[in-house]
Amino acid sequence: MEALKSDGSAFIQAYSDCMRGWRHGAEDAVKISKLATDSGYWPIYTIRVEEGVPTFSYYRGLDIDKDKFVEYLQSMGRFRHLFKPKFRENEINEIIFQTEQRNNKLKGLIEQFGAEKPKDLYRIDRKELKTQEHLLPGHGLCPGCGAGMVLFQMATAAYQVAGNNMIYVNNTSCSEVSTSKDNVTSWKVPWVHHLFESGATVADALATAYKILKVKGLYGKPMEEDVPYIIHIGGDGSTYDIGFQFLKAALIRTSTFMEMSELLKAK
């Protein structure tokens, strides 16, 4: 919800468990996701940027717990080769070492730029949240799929802020295929499918176009009404691999356009 209320782009990276690809029981999805943070593999933290300066706040998961890290690896079939037919201690220690080095770099950034507060906690009574109306339950994601949980939580948070004034852009991925199978969509709000490399660009273009239309008086609705919120959903391909440069460029363009174009000063 905080991301949607930000002026400009916001990026959320969520741990999305894949029980089929990672080879574990569907009933273990939540347990493994929690273990990822408790072991130090997936730390939880927030970065807020103002006037080009980042400020960190963090919750937990920056310190490595070696025993829990090994338990995390053992919980999934995709790492079975590290334990059978023999315990590959050197390889396991290397994975832990590389993860620890990454976390140490993050700790260094927090020390360098400072943290607003040592912990960022959000307490919400779920009973007070309105039931989301963006995503129908009849999708094709596997039972226990982390993506299904993340999509539902995201839609619930988005609905609290934007109601149904929302457009989703979705790269080719499990979530795209599973929510648009057989030409029947699971989405009740506008939803756009694009390839790996173009999702961030399309989302940015939609947001920019609506802002310009509003400033020019061509939006077709009263000026006090918000233009649609845009959420771009992407997996590993559009975030780290093929689409990384496009994602980075979209984030940078938000502030650049806000500075260069008078037409984009409208929120």
Protein backbone atom coordinates (compact mmCIF):
# COMPACT_ATOMS: atom_id res chain seq x y z
CA MET A 1 0.00 0.00 0.00
CA GLU A 2 2.89 2.32 0.76
CA ALA A 3 4.35 1.63 -2.70
CA LEU A 4 1.09 2.64 -4.43
CA LYS A 5 0.96 5.86 -2.42
CA SER A 6 4.49 6.82 -3.49
CA ASP A 7 4.89 9.64 -5.99
CA GLY A 8 6.53 7.90 -8.93
CA SER A 9 7.78 4.35 -9.31
CA ALA A 10 8.13 1.80 -6.54
CA PHE A 11 9.68 -1.66 -6.77
CA ILE A 12 8.72 -4.64 -4.61
CA GLN A 13 10.66 -7.88 -4.79
CA ALA A 14 8.71 -10.74 -3.27
CA TYR A 15 9.84 -14.27 -2.44
CA SER A 16 7.49 -16.45 -4.48
CA ASP A 17 7.79 -20.16 -3.71
CA CYS A 18 7.50 -22.65 -6.61
CA MET A 19 6.70 -26.04 -5.17
CA ARG A 20 6.90 -27.89 -8.50
CA GLY A 21 10.12 -26.34 -9.73
CA TRP A 22 11.79 -26.43 -6.32
CA ARG A 23 10.44 -29.93 -5.67
CA HIS A 24 8.81 -29.95 -2.27
CA GLY A 25 5.35 -30.59 -0.85
CA ALA A 26 2.68 -27.92 -1.37
CA GLU A 27 1.98 -27.93 2.36
CA ASP A 28 5.56 -26.73 3.03
CA ALA A 29 5.41 -23.53 0.95
CA VAL A 30 4.83 -21.10 3.83
CA LYS A 31 7.31 -22.89 6.11
CA ILE A 32 10.07 -22.74 3.48
CA SER A 33 9.34 -19.09 2.67
CA LYS A 34 9.68 -18.17 6.35
CA LEU A 35 12.85 -20.26 6.64
CA ALA A 36 14.36 -18.34 3.71
CA THR A 37 14.31 -15.17 5.82
CA ASP A 38 15.14 -16.80 9.17
CA SER A 39 18.27 -18.36 7.63
CA GLY A 40 19.49 -15.07 6.14
CA TYR A 41 18.97 -16.14 2.52
CA TRP A 42 16.14 -13.65 1.89
CA PRO A 43 16.43 -10.56 4.12
CA ILE A 44 13.48 -8.21 4.43
CA TYR A 45 14.25 -4.50 4.15
CA THR A 46 12.96 -1.25 2.66
CA ILE A 47 14.75 1.49 0.73
CA ARG A 48 13.16 4.92 0.34
CA VAL A 49 14.75 7.43 -2.04
CA GLU A 50 14.26 11.17 -1.64
CA GLU A 51 16.18 13.75 -3.65
CA GLY A 52 18.34 10.93 -4.96
CA VAL A 53 19.47 9.83 -1.49
CA PRO A 54 18.48 6.34 -0.24
CA THR A 55 17.45 5.71 3.34
CA PHE A 56 17.13 2.17 4.66
CA SER A 57 14.84 0.60 7.18
CA TYR A 58 14.96 -3.09 7.86
CA TYR A 59 13.09 -5.81 9.62
CA ARG A 60 15.11 -9.04 9.80
CA GLY A 61 17.13 -11.62 7.94
CA LEU A 62 20.47 -9.83 7.55
CA ASP A 63 22.38 -12.26 9.77
CA ILE A 64 23.19 -15.76 8.56
CA ASP A 65 22.06 -18.71 10.67
CA LYS A 66 24.10 -21.60 9.27
CA ASP A 67 21.98 -24.37 10.78
CA LYS A 68 18.77 -22.89 9.41
CA PHE A 69 20.49 -22.22 6.08
CA VAL A 70 21.35 -25.91 5.75
CA GLU A 71 17.79 -26.80 6.78
CA TYR A 72 16.52 -24.43 4.09
CA LEU A 73 18.62 -26.13 1.42
CA GLN A 74 17.58 -29.59 2.60
CA SER A 75 13.89 -28.68 2.46
CA MET A 76 13.85 -28.65 -1.36
CA GLY A 77 14.57 -31.36 -3.90
CA ARG A 78 16.39 -28.94 -6.18
CA PHE A 79 19.33 -28.99 -3.72
CA ARG A 80 19.31 -32.74 -3.19
CA HIS A 81 22.61 -33.09 -5.05
CA LEU A 82 24.30 -31.17 -2.22
CA PHE A 83 23.40 -33.88 0.29
CA LYS A 84 23.18 -37.14 -1.69
CA PRO A 85 25.00 -39.36 -2.41
CA LYS A 86 27.34 -37.42 -0.10
CA PHE A 87 27.28 -34.25 1.98
CA ARG A 88 29.05 -31.60 -0.14
CA GLU A 89 30.26 -29.36 2.67
CA ASN A 90 32.54 -27.21 0.50
CA GLU A 91 29.78 -26.35 -1.96
CA ILE A 92 27.29 -25.64 0.83
CA ASN A 93 29.80 -23.39 2.61
CA GLU A 94 30.41 -21.52 -0.65
CA ILE A 95 26.70 -20.81 -1.07
CA ILE A 96 26.49 -19.59 2.52
CA PHE A 97 29.66 -17.50 2.07
CA GLN A 98 28.35 -15.78 -1.09
CA THR A 99 25.03 -15.04 0.62
CA GLU A 100 26.82 -13.63 3.67
CA GLN A 101 28.95 -11.37 1.46
CA ARG A 102 25.81 -10.00 -0.17
CA ASN A 103 24.24 -9.33 3.23
CA ASN A 104 27.42 -7.64 4.44
CA LYS A 105 27.30 -5.28 1.47
CA LEU A 106 23.72 -4.43 2.39
CA LYS A 107 24.75 -3.81 6.00
CA GLY A 108 27.47 -1.50 4.69
CA LEU A 109 24.93 0.49 2.68
CA ILE A 110 22.68 0.79 5.71
CA GLU A 111 25.62 2.03 7.78
CA GLN A 112 26.70 4.43 5.02
CA PHE A 113 23.32 6.01 4.33
CA GLY A 114 21.67 5.43 7.69
CA ALA A 115 18.38 3.88 8.65
CA GLU A 116 15.20 5.70 9.60
CA LYS A 117 14.55 3.13 12.30
CA PRO A 118 15.89 -0.32 13.05
CA LYS A 119 12.61 -2.03 12.25
CA ASP A 120 9.76 -1.38 9.85
CA LEU A 121 6.61 -3.02 11.14
CA TYR A 122 3.14 -2.90 9.66
CA ARG A 123 0.28 -4.16 11.77
CA ILE A 124 -3.02 -4.58 9.97
CA ASP A 125 -6.17 -6.29 11.15
CA ARG A 126 -7.05 -8.50 8.20
CA LYS A 127 -10.70 -8.44 9.20
CA GLU A 128 -10.78 -4.72 8.47
CA LEU A 129 -9.45 -5.11 4.92
CA LYS A 130 -11.94 -5.04 2.07
CA THR A 131 -12.06 -8.20 -0.02
CA GLN A 132 -10.09 -7.62 -3.22
CA GLU A 133 -12.03 -7.58 -6.52
CA HIS A 134 -9.11 -7.71 -8.96
CA LEU A 135 -8.27 -11.41 -9.19
CA LEU A 136 -10.74 -14.29 -9.32
CA PRO A 137 -9.94 -17.55 -7.52
CA GLY A 138 -10.31 -19.69 -10.68
CA HIS A 139 -6.72 -19.42 -11.92
CA GLY A 140 -4.47 -22.27 -13.00
CA LEU A 141 -1.62 -21.86 -10.52
CA CYS A 142 -0.62 -24.98 -8.59
CA PRO A 143 -2.02 -25.60 -5.10
CA GLY A 144 0.48 -24.15 -2.66
CA CYS A 145 2.10 -21.95 -5.32
CA GLY A 146 3.83 -18.94 -3.81
CA ALA A 147 2.90 -16.79 -6.80
CA GLY A 148 -0.79 -17.33 -6.08
CA MET A 149 -0.33 -16.18 -2.48
CA VAL A 150 1.71 -13.14 -3.53
CA LEU A 151 -0.76 -12.15 -6.27
CA PHE A 152 -3.69 -12.36 -3.85
CA GLN A 153 -1.88 -10.32 -1.19
CA MET A 154 -0.81 -7.76 -3.78
CA ALA A 155 -4.35 -7.43 -5.16
CA THR A 156 -5.74 -7.08 -1.63
CA ALA A 157 -3.32 -4.26 -0.80
CA ALA A 158 -3.89 -2.56 -4.16
CA TYR A 159 -7.65 -2.67 -3.73
CA GLN A 160 -7.44 -0.84 -0.40
CA VAL A 161 -5.71 2.09 -2.12
CA ALA A 162 -7.09 2.15 -5.66
CA GLY A 163 -10.37 0.25 -5.58
CA ASN A 164 -10.90 -0.96 -9.13
CA ASN A 165 -9.08 2.02 -10.69
CA MET A 166 -6.18 -0.26 -11.59
CA ILE A 167 -4.33 -1.59 -14.65
CA TYR A 168 -1.99 -4.59 -14.42
CA VAL A 169 0.83 -5.25 -16.88
CA ASN A 170 2.03 -8.86 -16.80
CA ASN A 171 5.10 -10.32 -18.50
CA THR A 172 5.07 -13.84 -19.88
CA SER A 173 5.41 -16.01 -16.78
CA CYS A 174 3.60 -18.58 -14.65
CA SER A 175 1.25 -15.89 -13.37
CA GLU A 176 0.47 -14.67 -16.91
CA VAL A 177 -0.17 -18.12 -18.37
CA SER A 178 -2.17 -19.34 -15.38
CA THR A 179 -4.46 -16.30 -15.15
CA SER A 180 -5.21 -16.08 -18.88
CA LYS A 181 -5.50 -19.70 -19.95
CA ASP A 182 -7.86 -20.75 -22.76
CA ASN A 183 -8.59 -17.09 -23.53
CA VAL A 184 -10.46 -16.79 -20.24
CA THR A 185 -8.96 -14.22 -17.90
CA SER A 186 -8.94 -14.41 -14.11
CA TRP A 187 -8.65 -10.63 -13.89
CA LYS A 188 -11.68 -8.40 -13.29
CA VAL A 189 -9.76 -5.17 -13.99
CA PRO A 190 -7.78 -4.14 -17.12
CA TRP A 191 -4.81 -6.44 -17.65
CA VAL A 192 -2.11 -6.25 -20.35
CA HIS A 193 0.22 -9.07 -21.38
CA HIS A 194 3.68 -8.30 -22.75
CA LEU A 195 6.92 -10.12 -23.37
CA PHE A 196 9.85 -10.30 -20.93
CA GLU A 197 11.67 -7.25 -22.19
CA SER A 198 8.81 -4.77 -22.56
CA GLY A 199 6.65 -5.00 -19.45
CA ALA A 200 8.32 -2.22 -17.45
CA THR A 201 8.38 0.02 -20.53
CA VAL A 202 4.68 -0.56 -21.25
CA ALA A 203 3.71 0.08 -17.63
CA ASP A 204 5.72 3.31 -17.60
CA ALA A 205 4.19 4.37 -20.92
CA LEU A 206 0.65 3.79 -19.67
CA ALA A 207 1.26 5.82 -16.50
CA THR A 208 2.89 8.64 -18.50
CA ALA A 209 0.09 8.75 -21.07
CA TYR A 210 -2.63 9.01 -18.43
CA LYS A 211 -0.79 11.80 -16.61
CA ILE A 212 -0.40 13.81 -19.82
CA LEU A 213 -4.07 13.31 -20.74
CA LYS A 214 -5.14 14.54 -17.32
CA VAL A 215 -2.96 17.67 -17.44
CA LYS A 216 -4.20 18.49 -20.95
CA GLY A 217 -7.81 18.04 -19.85
CA LEU A 218 -8.31 15.06 -22.15
CA TYR A 219 -8.66 12.37 -19.50
CA GLY A 220 -12.45 12.43 -19.72
CA LYS A 221 -12.99 12.56 -15.98
CA PRO A 222 -12.98 15.43 -13.46
CA MET A 223 -9.48 16.70 -12.59
CA GLU A 224 -9.86 15.67 -8.96
CA GLU A 225 -10.25 12.02 -9.90
CA ASP A 226 -7.10 9.89 -9.95
CA VAL A 227 -5.75 8.42 -13.14
CA PRO A 228 -5.46 4.61 -13.01
CA TYR A 229 -2.77 3.05 -10.86
CA ILE A 230 -0.37 0.81 -12.79
CA ILE A 231 1.20 -2.39 -11.43
CA HIS A 232 3.73 -4.33 -13.46
CA ILE A 233 3.97 -8.03 -12.50
CA GLY A 234 7.18 -9.75 -13.55
CA GLY A 235 9.13 -12.89 -12.74
CA ASP A 236 12.83 -13.66 -12.86
CA GLY A 237 13.04 -13.15 -16.63
CA SER A 238 11.68 -9.62 -16.68
CA THR A 239 13.35 -8.63 -13.40
CA TYR A 240 16.88 -10.05 -13.51
CA ASP A 241 17.46 -11.51 -16.94
CA ILE A 242 16.02 -10.23 -20.22
CA GLY A 243 14.12 -7.27 -18.80
CA PHE A 244 16.55 -5.95 -16.18
CA GLN A 245 17.73 -2.96 -18.25
CA PHE A 246 14.14 -2.06 -19.09
CA LEU A 247 13.09 -2.26 -15.46
CA LYS A 248 16.03 -0.10 -14.38
CA ALA A 249 15.30 2.42 -17.14
CA ALA A 250 11.62 2.66 -16.17
CA LEU A 251 12.53 3.40 -12.55
CA ILE A 252 15.03 6.06 -13.59
CA ARG A 253 12.68 7.67 -16.13
CA THR A 254 10.08 8.38 -13.51
CA SER A 255 12.20 11.01 -11.77
CA THR A 256 13.72 12.21 -15.04
CA PHE A 257 10.36 12.81 -16.68
CA MET A 258 9.05 14.52 -13.55
CA GLU A 259 11.92 16.99 -13.81
CA MET A 260 11.91 17.46 -17.59
CA SER A 261 8.21 17.64 -18.43
CA GLU A 262 5.78 20.14 -16.96
CA LEU A 263 2.98 17.83 -18.08
CA LEU A 264 4.05 15.16 -15.63
CA LYS A 265 3.86 17.19 -12.45
CA ALA A 266 0.28 16.06 -11.86
CA LYS A 267 0.17 13.16 -9.41
